Amino acid sequence: MTDPAPGPLPWQTATLTAIRPVTRRVKSYRFRVAFDRPMLAGQHVDVRLTAPDGYQAQRSYSIASAPDGDGTIELLIEGLPDGEVSGFFDAVAEVGDTIELRGPIGGSFVWRPEDGGPLFLAGGGSGVVPLLSMLRHRAATAPGVPALLLYSVRDASEIIAAEELAVRARDEAQFQLMLNLTRAGGRRVDAAVIAEALDRLGPPRHAYLCGGNPFVGAVAELLLDAGVDPARVRTERFGG
């Protein structure tokens, strides 16, 4: 990914201002930041932790909050058993702590109100996080843009921002939510699911896919098979 603004991205000190649980394994962390460039929906930050002996661990996290200019960002971090950075946040971090981060980073996997729609968004697991930023920004700045979120998770207990998404689907006339649960008799996203989504949304002007490599690769292929122009599909992948 490329930085949309010229000049190097400096590391800065960010203060943790709030922590709240989101699912059994995911928590919301709100940081006060002082970015030297505007943030765009879909971008991420690098987080760096330094131990007393000088050892450093670094991880990239998508920004969940909309670019509303209030001087804070929200990260949604899953506590992984072997995660050096996520483990710190899950078990050690407290409100008032300071960390090093740099950002916002990313120039291709972003959405601006002037980009319009319809928007096809597909998230697998925690891959929904940058899509939340886009949906929140859209609701605040361009609610008339049609958007559909196809969100695939193992079971209902792992849905990030479940209540928020349900309320948006109920109250926002131009937003549709399709949940795909893969455990306990569910199925993977397949051609029939994609066909239903495209039938409900219509031809997308932009498609943003985020999640693990297998999920993103499969959905991208299904969209292309369904006739979506490859130039309209943008992907963000993580994992092996």
C-alpha atoms as a PDB file:
ATOM      1  CA  MET A   1       0.000   0.000   0.000  1.00  0.00           C
ATOM      2  CA  THR A   2       1.084   3.571  -0.634  1.00  0.00           C
ATOM      3  CA  ASP A   3       0.866   6.636   1.504  1.00  0.00           C
ATOM      4  CA  PRO A   4      -1.470   9.245  -0.061  1.00  0.00           C
ATOM      5  CA  ALA A   5       0.504  12.176   1.337  1.00  0.00           C
ATOM      6  CA  PRO A   6       4.120  13.110   0.565  1.00  0.00           C
ATOM      7  CA  GLY A   7       6.860  12.807   3.151  1.00  0.00           C
ATOM      8  CA  PRO A   8       7.750  10.075   5.639  1.00  0.00           C
ATOM      9  CA  LEU A   9       5.259   8.966   8.251  1.00  0.00           C
ATOM     10  CA  PRO A  10       6.593   9.845  11.697  1.00  0.00           C
ATOM     11  CA  TRP A  11       6.160   7.660  14.757  1.00  0.00           C
ATOM     12  CA  GLN A  12       4.110   9.457  17.382  1.00  0.00           C
ATOM     13  CA  THR A  13       2.940   8.862  20.911  1.00  0.00           C
ATOM     14  CA  ALA A  14      -0.758   8.039  21.197  1.00  0.00           C
ATOM     15  CA  THR A  15      -2.729   7.921  24.447  1.00  0.00           C
ATOM     16  CA  LEU A  16      -5.226   5.155  25.135  1.00  0.00           C
ATOM     17  CA  THR A  17      -8.448   6.857  26.245  1.00  0.00           C
ATOM     18  CA  ALA A  18     -11.007   4.016  26.344  1.00  0.00           C
ATOM     19  CA  ILE A  19     -11.288   0.227  26.278  1.00  0.00           C
ATOM     20  CA  ARG A  20     -14.497  -1.766  25.879  1.00  0.00           C
ATOM     21  CA  PRO A  21     -15.341  -5.364  24.946  1.00  0.00           C
ATOM     22  CA  VAL A  22     -16.854  -6.003  21.509  1.00  0.00           C
ATOM     23  CA  THR A  23     -16.960  -9.810  21.285  1.00  0.00           C
ATOM     24  CA  ARG A  24     -15.486 -12.609  23.397  1.00  0.00           C
ATOM     25  CA  ARG A  25     -12.082 -12.047  21.797  1.00  0.00           C
ATOM     26  CA  VAL A  26     -12.207  -8.527  20.352  1.00  0.00           C
ATOM     27  CA  LYS A  27     -11.957  -5.253  22.244  1.00  0.00           C
ATOM     28  CA  SER A  28     -12.266  -1.646  21.141  1.00  0.00           C
ATOM     29  CA  TYR A  29      -9.334   0.650  21.902  1.00  0.00           C
ATOM     30  CA  ARG A  30      -9.725   4.397  21.441  1.00  0.00           C
ATOM     31  CA  PHE A  31      -6.548   6.473  21.029  1.00  0.00           C
ATOM     32  CA  ARG A  32      -5.923  10.192  20.977  1.00  0.00           C
ATOM     33  CA  VAL A  33      -3.645  10.907  18.026  1.00  0.00           C
ATOM     34  CA  ALA A  34      -2.133  13.865  16.202  1.00  0.00           C
ATOM     35  CA  PHE A  35      -1.864  12.844  12.558  1.00  0.00           C
ATOM     36  CA  ASP A  36      -0.007  15.228  10.261  1.00  0.00           C
ATOM     37  CA  ARG A  37      -2.279  14.413   7.291  1.00  0.00           C
ATOM     38  CA  PRO A  38      -5.991  13.729   6.718  1.00  0.00           C
ATOM     39  CA  MET A  39      -7.290  10.248   7.395  1.00  0.00           C
ATOM     40  CA  LEU A  40      -9.318   8.295   4.820  1.00  0.00           C
ATOM     41  CA  ALA A  41     -11.842   5.528   5.464  1.00  0.00           C
ATOM     42  CA  GLY A  42     -10.136   2.155   4.987  1.00  0.00           C
ATOM     43  CA  GLN A  43      -6.645   3.125   6.139  1.00  0.00           C
ATOM     44  CA  HIS A  44      -4.579   1.520   8.897  1.00  0.00           C
ATOM     45  CA  VAL A  45      -1.846   2.341  11.400  1.00  0.00           C
ATOM     46  CA  ASP A  46       1.349   0.616  12.490  1.00  0.00           C
ATOM     47  CA  VAL A  47       1.662   0.034  16.236  1.00  0.00           C
ATOM     48  CA  ARG A  48       5.073  -0.481  17.846  1.00  0.00           C
ATOM     49  CA  LEU A  49       5.775  -1.745  21.360  1.00  0.00           C
ATOM     50  CA  THR A  50       9.217  -1.552  22.974  1.00  0.00           C
ATOM     51  CA  ALA A  51      10.217  -3.757  25.920  1.00  0.00           C
ATOM     52  CA  PRO A  52      12.561  -2.520  28.693  1.00  0.00           C
ATOM     53  CA  ASP A  53      15.411  -4.522  27.129  1.00  0.00           C
ATOM     54  CA  GLY A  54      14.883  -2.760  23.791  1.00  0.00           C
ATOM     55  CA  TYR A  55      13.069  -5.590  22.009  1.00  0.00           C
ATOM     56  CA  GLN A  56      10.397  -4.237  19.661  1.00  0.00           C
ATOM     57  CA  ALA A  57       7.235  -5.787  18.243  1.00  0.00           C
ATOM     58  CA  GLN A  58       5.195  -4.160  15.488  1.00  0.00           C
ATOM     59  CA  ARG A  59       1.758  -4.849  14.040  1.00  0.00           C
ATOM     60  CA  SER A  60      -0.591  -3.163  11.571  1.00  0.00           C
ATOM     61  CA  TYR A  61      -4.242  -2.551  12.512  1.00  0.00           C
ATOM     62  CA  SER A  62      -7.063  -1.185  10.404  1.00  0.00           C
ATOM     63  CA  ILE A  63      -8.845   1.897  11.710  1.00  0.00           C
ATOM     64  CA  ALA A  64     -12.507   1.246  12.530  1.00  0.00           C
ATOM     65  CA  SER A  65     -13.573   4.825  13.169  1.00  0.00           C
ATOM     66  CA  ALA A  66     -14.691   7.247  10.491  1.00  0.00           C
ATOM     67  CA  PRO A  67     -12.366  10.127   9.573  1.00  0.00           C
ATOM     68  CA  ASP A  68     -14.386  12.675  11.521  1.00  0.00           C
ATOM     69  CA  GLY A  69     -11.468  14.841  12.611  1.00  0.00           C
ATOM     70  CA  ASP A  70     -12.095  14.560  16.360  1.00  0.00           C
ATOM     71  CA  GLY A  71      -8.469  13.706  17.099  1.00  0.00           C
ATOM     72  CA  THR A  72      -9.091  10.081  18.048  1.00  0.00           C
ATOM     73  CA  ILE A  73      -9.144   6.729  16.282  1.00  0.00           C
ATOM     74  CA  GLU A  74     -10.693   3.391  17.195  1.00  0.00           C
ATOM     75  CA  LEU A  75      -8.858   0.105  16.734  1.00  0.00           C
ATOM     76  CA  LEU A  76     -10.647  -3.231  17.126  1.00  0.00           C
ATOM     77  CA  ILE A  77      -8.047  -5.773  18.244  1.00  0.00           C
ATOM     78  CA  GLU A  78      -8.538  -9.504  18.622  1.00  0.00           C
ATOM     79  CA  GLY A  79      -6.653 -10.993  21.551  1.00  0.00           C
ATOM     80  CA  LEU A  80      -4.595 -13.823  20.061  1.00  0.00           C
ATOM     81  CA  PRO A  81      -2.945 -16.363  22.420  1.00  0.00           C
ATOM     82  CA  ASP A  82       0.469 -16.063  20.775  1.00  0.00           C
ATOM     83  CA  GLY A  83       0.196 -12.460  19.615  1.00  0.00           C
ATOM     84  CA  GLU A  84       2.968 -10.253  20.965  1.00  0.00           C
ATOM     85  CA  VAL A  85       1.109  -6.997  20.322  1.00  0.00           C
ATOM     86  CA  SER A  86      -2.486  -8.200  20.597  1.00  0.00           C
ATOM     87  CA  GLY A  87      -1.601 -10.084  23.788  1.00  0.00           C
ATOM     88  CA  PHE A  88      -0.310  -6.869  25.335  1.00  0.00           C
ATOM     89  CA  PHE A  89      -3.529  -5.045  24.513  1.00  0.00           C
ATOM     90  CA  ASP A  90      -5.730  -7.888  25.715  1.00  0.00           C
ATOM     91  CA  ALA A  91      -4.009  -8.541  29.052  1.00  0.00           C
ATOM     92  CA  VAL A  92      -1.889  -5.521  29.959  1.00  0.00           C
ATOM     93  CA  ALA A  93      -3.052  -2.262  28.364  1.00  0.00           C
ATOM     94  CA  GLU A  94      -4.934   0.230  30.526  1.00  0.00           C
ATOM     95  CA  VAL A  95      -6.590   3.579  29.914  1.00  0.00           C
ATOM     96  CA  GLY A  96      -3.936   6.275  30.149  1.00  0.00           C
ATOM     97  CA  ASP A  97      -1.167   4.148  28.631  1.00  0.00           C
ATOM     98  CA  THR A  98       0.838   5.597  25.767  1.00  0.00           C
ATOM     99  CA  ILE A  99       2.075   3.667  22.748  1.00  0.00           C
ATOM    100  CA  GLU A 100       3.918   4.426  19.545  1.00  0.00           C
ATOM    101  CA  LEU A 101       2.031   4.415  16.277  1.00  0.00           C
ATOM    102  CA  ARG A 102       2.286   5.905  12.807  1.00  0.00           C
ATOM    103  CA  GLY A 103      -0.316   6.579  10.173  1.00  0.00           C
ATOM    104  CA  PRO A 104      -2.706   6.858   8.583  1.00  0.00           C
ATOM    105  CA  ILE A 105      -1.370   4.423   5.976  1.00  0.00           C
ATOM    106  CA  GLY A 106      -2.961   3.289   2.727  1.00  0.00           C
ATOM    107  CA  GLY A 107      -3.836   4.862  -0.585  1.00  0.00           C
ATOM    108  CA  SER A 108      -5.635   2.183  -2.605  1.00  0.00           C
ATOM    109  CA  PHE A 109      -8.015   0.475  -0.162  1.00  0.00           C
ATOM    110  CA  VAL A 110      -9.881   3.669   0.716  1.00  0.00           C
ATOM    111  CA  TRP A 111     -13.311   5.155   0.057  1.00  0.00           C
ATOM    112  CA  ARG A 112     -14.225   8.845  -0.154  1.00  0.00           C
ATOM    113  CA  PRO A 113     -17.760  10.265  -0.368  1.00  0.00           C
ATOM    114  CA  GLU A 114     -17.044  11.592  -3.850  1.00  0.00           C
ATOM    115  CA  ASP A 115     -16.244   8.026  -4.970  1.00  0.00           C
ATOM    116  CA  GLY A 116     -19.950   7.244  -4.758  1.00  0.00           C
ATOM    117  CA  GLY A 117     -21.451   3.796  -5.175  1.00  0.00           C
ATOM    118  CA  PRO A 118     -23.070   1.330  -5.158  1.00  0.00           C
ATOM    119  CA  LEU A 119     -20.612  -0.165  -2.695  1.00  0.00           C
ATOM    120  CA  PHE A 120     -20.123  -3.906  -2.356  1.00  0.00           C
ATOM    121  CA  LEU A 121     -18.264  -4.654   0.876  1.00  0.00           C
ATOM    122  CA  ALA A 122     -17.182  -8.160   1.881  1.00  0.00           C
ATOM    123  CA  GLY A 123     -15.465  -8.895   5.187  1.00  0.00           C
ATOM    124  CA  GLY A 124     -14.258 -12.156   6.653  1.00  0.00           C
ATOM    125  CA  GLY A 125     -13.933 -12.154  10.453  1.00  0.00           C
ATOM    126  CA  SER A 126     -11.913  -9.156  11.649  1.00  0.00           C
ATOM    127  CA  GLY A 127     -11.584  -8.100   8.013  1.00  0.00           C
ATOM    128  CA  VAL A 128     -14.796  -6.164   8.572  1.00  0.00           C
ATOM    129  CA  VAL A 129     -12.902  -3.456  10.503  1.00  0.00           C
ATOM    130  CA  PRO A 130     -11.848  -1.125   7.637  1.00  0.00           C
ATOM    131  CA  LEU A 131     -15.273  -1.685   6.069  1.00  0.00           C
ATOM    132  CA  LEU A 132     -16.846  -0.369   9.280  1.00  0.00           C
ATOM    133  CA  SER A 133     -14.851   2.818   8.807  1.00  0.00           C
ATOM    134  CA  MET A 134     -16.260   3.137   5.294  1.00  0.00           C
ATOM    135  CA  LEU A 135     -19.825   2.467   6.438  1.00  0.00           C
ATOM    136  CA  ARG A 136     -19.572   4.966   9.273  1.00  0.00           C
ATOM    137  CA  HIS A 137     -18.108   7.602   6.971  1.00  0.00           C
ATOM    138  CA  ARG A 138     -20.774   6.920   4.348  1.00  0.00           C
ATOM    139  CA  ALA A 139     -23.582   7.255   6.916  1.00  0.00           C
ATOM    140  CA  ALA A 140     -22.212  10.610   8.076  1.00  0.00           C
ATOM    141  CA  THR A 141     -21.392  12.100   4.685  1.00  0.00           C
ATOM    142  CA  ALA A 142     -23.219  10.278   1.875  1.00  0.00           C
ATOM    143  CA  PRO A 143     -26.149   8.225   3.253  1.00  0.00           C
ATOM    144  CA  GLY A 144     -27.776   8.082  -0.175  1.00  0.00           C
ATOM    145  CA  VAL A 145     -24.982   5.911  -1.565  1.00  0.00           C
ATOM    146  CA  PRO A 146     -26.270   2.326  -1.833  1.00  0.00           C
ATOM    147  CA  ALA A 147     -24.107  -0.150   0.077  1.00  0.00           C
ATOM    148  CA  LEU A 148     -24.225  -3.835   0.925  1.00  0.00           C
ATOM    149  CA  LEU A 149     -22.021  -5.593   3.462  1.00  0.00           C
ATOM    150  CA  LEU A 150     -21.488  -9.327   3.093  1.00  0.00           C
ATOM    151  CA  TYR A 151     -20.004 -10.373   6.432  1.00  0.00           C
ATOM    152  CA  SER A 152     -18.772 -13.932   6.920  1.00  0.00           C
ATOM    153  CA  VAL A 153     -17.986 -15.217  10.430  1.00  0.00           C
ATOM    154  CA  ARG A 154     -17.969 -18.592  12.133  1.00  0.00           C
ATOM    155  CA  ASP A 155     -20.938 -17.931  14.414  1.00  0.00           C
ATOM    156  CA  ALA A 156     -23.106 -15.080  15.683  1.00  0.00           C
ATOM    157  CA  SER A 157     -21.035 -14.591  18.846  1.00  0.00           C
ATOM    158  CA  GLU A 158     -18.095 -13.435  16.715  1.00  0.00           C
ATOM    159  CA  ILE A 159     -19.927 -10.692  14.817  1.00  0.00           C
ATOM    160  CA  ILE A 160     -18.037  -7.441  15.367  1.00  0.00           C
ATOM    161  CA  ALA A 161     -20.300  -4.400  15.863  1.00  0.00           C
ATOM    162  CA  ALA A 162     -23.330  -6.708  15.702  1.00  0.00           C
ATOM    163  CA  GLU A 163     -25.802  -4.251  17.236  1.00  0.00           C
ATOM    164  CA  GLU A 164     -24.531  -1.319  15.171  1.00  0.00           C
ATOM    165  CA  LEU A 165     -24.817  -3.264  11.929  1.00  0.00           C
ATOM    166  CA  ALA A 166     -28.309  -4.490  12.798  1.00  0.00           C
ATOM    167  CA  VAL A 167     -29.458  -0.934  13.537  1.00  0.00           C
ATOM    168  CA  ARG A 168     -27.941   0.358  10.309  1.00  0.00           C
ATOM    169  CA  ALA A 169     -29.669  -2.377   8.322  1.00  0.00           C
ATOM    170  CA  ARG A 170     -32.958  -1.454   9.981  1.00  0.00           C
ATOM    171  CA  ASP A 171     -32.712   2.328   9.828  1.00  0.00           C
ATOM    172  CA  GLU A 172     -30.594   3.152   6.763  1.00  0.00           C
ATOM    173  CA  ALA A 173     -32.690   2.766   3.640  1.00  0.00           C
ATOM    174  CA  GLN A 174     -29.690   2.430   1.339  1.00  0.00           C
ATOM    175  CA  PHE A 175     -27.736  -0.089   3.439  1.00  0.00           C
ATOM    176  CA  GLN A 176     -28.168  -3.858   3.338  1.00  0.00           C
ATOM    177  CA  LEU A 177     -26.520  -6.479   5.549  1.00  0.00           C
ATOM    178  CA  MET A 178     -25.937 -10.115   4.595  1.00  0.00           C
ATOM    179  CA  LEU A 179     -24.513 -12.279   7.385  1.00  0.00           C
ATOM    180  CA  ASN A 180     -22.916 -15.569   6.417  1.00  0.00           C
ATOM    181  CA  LEU A 181     -22.305 -17.944   9.335  1.00  0.00           C
ATOM    182  CA  THR A 182     -19.953 -20.795   8.457  1.00  0.00           C
ATOM    183  CA  ARG A 183     -20.164 -22.969  11.587  1.00  0.00           C
ATOM    184  CA  ALA A 184     -22.974 -25.291  12.749  1.00  0.00           C
ATOM    185  CA  GLY A 185     -24.458 -26.105   9.387  1.00  0.00           C
ATOM    186  CA  GLY A 186     -23.546 -22.864   7.676  1.00  0.00           C
ATOM    187  CA  ARG A 187     -21.725 -22.584   4.377  1.00  0.00           C
ATOM    188  CA  ARG A 188     -18.840 -20.749   2.846  1.00  0.00           C
ATOM    189  CA  VAL A 189     -19.524 -17.815   0.560  1.00  0.00           C
ATOM    190  CA  ASP A 190     -20.298 -19.364  -2.817  1.00  0.00           C
ATOM    191  CA  ALA A 191     -21.631 -18.339  -6.216  1.00  0.00           C
ATOM    192  CA  ALA A 192     -25.229 -18.385  -4.971  1.00  0.00           C
ATOM    193  CA  VAL A 193     -24.427 -16.011  -2.104  1.00  0.00           C
ATOM    194  CA  ILE A 194     -22.618 -13.618  -4.446  1.00  0.00           C
ATOM    195  CA  ALA A 195     -25.480 -13.787  -6.950  1.00  0.00           C
ATOM    196  CA  GLU A 196     -27.978 -12.898  -4.221  1.00  0.00           C
ATOM    197  CA  ALA A 197     -25.827  -9.992  -3.037  1.00  0.00           C
ATOM    198  CA  LEU A 198     -25.422  -8.574  -6.538  1.00  0.00           C
ATOM    199  CA  ASP A 199     -29.116  -9.031  -7.238  1.00  0.00           C
ATOM    200  CA  ARG A 200     -29.957  -7.029  -4.125  1.00  0.00           C
ATOM    201  CA  LEU A 201     -27.362  -4.294  -4.683  1.00  0.00           C
ATOM    202  CA  GLY A 202     -27.090  -4.100  -8.445  1.00  0.00           C
ATOM    203  CA  PRO A 203     -23.808  -3.714 -10.328  1.00  0.00           C
ATOM    204  CA  PRO A 204     -21.270  -2.266  -7.883  1.00  0.00           C
ATOM    205  CA  ARG A 205     -19.239   0.781  -8.726  1.00  0.00           C
ATOM    206  CA  HIS A 206     -16.699  -0.241  -6.089  1.00  0.00           C
ATOM    207  CA  ALA A 207     -16.054  -3.553  -4.339  1.00  0.00           C
ATOM    208  CA  TYR A 208     -13.863  -3.746  -1.233  1.00  0.00           C
ATOM    209  CA  LEU A 209     -12.858  -7.167   0.110  1.00  0.00           C
ATOM    210  CA  CYS A 210     -10.960  -7.673   3.366  1.00  0.00           C
ATOM    211  CA  GLY A 211     -10.046 -10.760   5.377  1.00  0.00           C
ATOM    212  CA  GLY A 212      -7.808 -13.781   5.305  1.00  0.00           C
ATOM    213  CA  ASN A 213      -6.168 -14.791   2.044  1.00  0.00           C
ATOM    214  CA  PRO A 214      -8.519 -17.749   1.337  1.00  0.00           C
ATOM    215  CA  PHE A 215     -11.657 -15.642   1.915  1.00  0.00           C
ATOM    216  CA  VAL A 216     -10.539 -12.670  -0.150  1.00  0.00           C
ATOM    217  CA  GLY A 217      -9.249 -14.836  -2.980  1.00  0.00           C
ATOM    218  CA  ALA A 218     -12.466 -16.838  -3.153  1.00  0.00           C
ATOM    219  CA  VAL A 219     -14.777 -13.797  -3.087  1.00  0.00           C
ATOM    220  CA  ALA A 220     -12.678 -11.969  -5.676  1.00  0.00           C
ATOM    221  CA  GLU A 221     -12.886 -14.946  -8.054  1.00  0.00           C
ATOM    222  CA  LEU A 222     -16.636 -15.254  -7.509  1.00  0.00           C
ATOM    223  CA  LEU A 223     -17.162 -11.570  -8.275  1.00  0.00           C
ATOM    224  CA  LEU A 224     -15.152 -11.816 -11.475  1.00  0.00           C
ATOM    225  CA  ASP A 225     -17.064 -14.959 -12.473  1.00  0.00           C
ATOM    226  CA  ALA A 226     -20.278 -12.996 -11.901  1.00  0.00           C
ATOM    227  CA  GLY A 227     -19.134 -10.361 -14.371  1.00  0.00           C
ATOM    228  CA  VAL A 228     -17.852  -7.622 -12.053  1.00  0.00           C
ATOM    229  CA  ASP A 229     -15.114  -5.551 -13.694  1.00  0.00           C
ATOM    230  CA  PRO A 230     -11.741  -6.411 -12.081  1.00  0.00           C
ATOM    231  CA  ALA A 231     -10.870  -2.709 -12.037  1.00  0.00           C
ATOM    232  CA  ARG A 232     -13.683  -2.166  -9.534  1.00  0.00           C
ATOM    233  CA  VAL A 233     -12.410  -4.746  -7.032  1.00  0.00           C
ATOM    234  CA  ARG A 234      -9.962  -3.757  -4.290  1.00  0.00           C
ATOM    235  CA  THR A 235      -8.573  -6.196  -1.756  1.00  0.00           C
ATOM    236  CA  GLU A 236      -6.886  -6.149   1.631  1.00  0.00           C
ATOM    237  CA  ARG A 237      -5.508  -9.471   2.869  1.00  0.00           C
ATOM    238  CA  PHE A 238      -3.935 -10.852   6.034  1.00  0.00           C
ATOM    239  CA  GLY A 239      -2.647 -14.194   7.204  1.00  0.00           C
ATOM    240  CA  GLY A 240      -0.968 -17.042   5.401  1.00  0.00           C
END
